[in-house]
Amino acid sequence: MTPAGLRQLQDLRRSLLHPPRQLRPQHTSEPATHSTQTVTATA
């Protein structure tokens, strides 16, 4: 296997074992001030 192929396998393995963290953490302690909206779509 070529070095480039091994590198891709290592990157894939690393991304599966250690997924990236969320950019915006969800805060559960905040009061729910946002109104819930229903989204509909027709095809």
C-alpha atoms as a PDB file:
ATOM      1  CA  MET A   1       0.000   0.000   0.000  1.00  0.00           C
ATOM      2  CA  THR A   2       1.261   3.476  -0.814  1.00  0.00           C
ATOM      3  CA  PRO A   3       2.153   6.009   1.891  1.00  0.00           C
ATOM      4  CA  ALA A   4      -0.756   8.199   0.767  1.00  0.00           C
ATOM      5  CA  GLY A   5      -3.175   5.289   1.161  1.00  0.00           C
ATOM      6  CA  LEU A   6      -1.847   4.489   4.631  1.00  0.00           C
ATOM      7  CA  ARG A   7      -2.214   8.131   5.611  1.00  0.00           C
ATOM      8  CA  GLN A   8      -5.846   8.170   4.470  1.00  0.00           C
ATOM      9  CA  LEU A   9      -6.567   5.012   6.450  1.00  0.00           C
ATOM     10  CA  GLN A  10      -4.993   6.516   9.560  1.00  0.00           C
ATOM     11  CA  ASP A  11      -6.998   9.720   9.156  1.00  0.00           C
ATOM     12  CA  LEU A  12     -10.221   7.755   8.689  1.00  0.00           C
ATOM     13  CA  ARG A  13      -9.501   5.580  11.715  1.00  0.00           C
ATOM     14  CA  ARG A  14      -8.724   8.640  13.824  1.00  0.00           C
ATOM     15  CA  SER A  15     -11.895  10.449  12.728  1.00  0.00           C
ATOM     16  CA  LEU A  16     -14.035   7.416  13.557  1.00  0.00           C
ATOM     17  CA  LEU A  17     -12.467   6.823  16.967  1.00  0.00           C
ATOM     18  CA  HIS A  18     -12.271  10.505  17.952  1.00  0.00           C
ATOM     19  CA  PRO A  19     -15.072  12.457  16.243  1.00  0.00           C
ATOM     20  CA  PRO A  20     -14.728  16.249  16.259  1.00  0.00           C
ATOM     21  CA  ARG A  21     -16.307  18.133  19.125  1.00  0.00           C
ATOM     22  CA  GLN A  22     -19.369  20.309  18.630  1.00  0.00           C
ATOM     23  CA  LEU A  23     -18.559  23.902  17.824  1.00  0.00           C
ATOM     24  CA  ARG A  24     -21.438  25.208  19.920  1.00  0.00           C
ATOM     25  CA  PRO A  25     -22.052  23.194  23.079  1.00  0.00           C
ATOM     26  CA  GLN A  26     -25.722  22.754  23.915  1.00  0.00           C
ATOM     27  CA  HIS A  27     -26.592  24.313  27.258  1.00  0.00           C
ATOM     28  CA  THR A  28     -29.376  22.469  29.021  1.00  0.00           C
ATOM     29  CA  SER A  29     -29.522  24.920  31.931  1.00  0.00           C
ATOM     30  CA  GLU A  30     -30.789  27.796  29.775  1.00  0.00           C
ATOM     31  CA  PRO A  31     -34.514  28.550  29.939  1.00  0.00           C
ATOM     32  CA  ALA A  32     -36.509  27.564  26.869  1.00  0.00           C
ATOM     33  CA  THR A  33     -37.315  30.970  25.392  1.00  0.00           C
ATOM     34  CA  HIS A  34     -37.355  29.900  21.760  1.00  0.00           C
ATOM     35  CA  SER A  35     -40.727  29.095  20.256  1.00  0.00           C
ATOM     36  CA  THR A  36     -41.122  25.775  18.486  1.00  0.00           C
ATOM     37  CA  GLN A  37     -41.961  26.046  14.806  1.00  0.00           C
ATOM     38  CA  THR A  38     -43.308  23.275  12.608  1.00  0.00           C
ATOM     39  CA  VAL A  39     -41.521  22.898   9.300  1.00  0.00           C
ATOM     40  CA  THR A  40     -43.354  21.235   6.452  1.00  0.00           C
ATOM     41  CA  ALA A  41     -42.191  20.400   2.944  1.00  0.00           C
ATOM     42  CA  THR A  42     -44.046  19.168  -0.091  1.00  0.00           C
ATOM     43  CA  ALA A  43     -42.514  17.557  -3.103  1.00  0.00           C
END
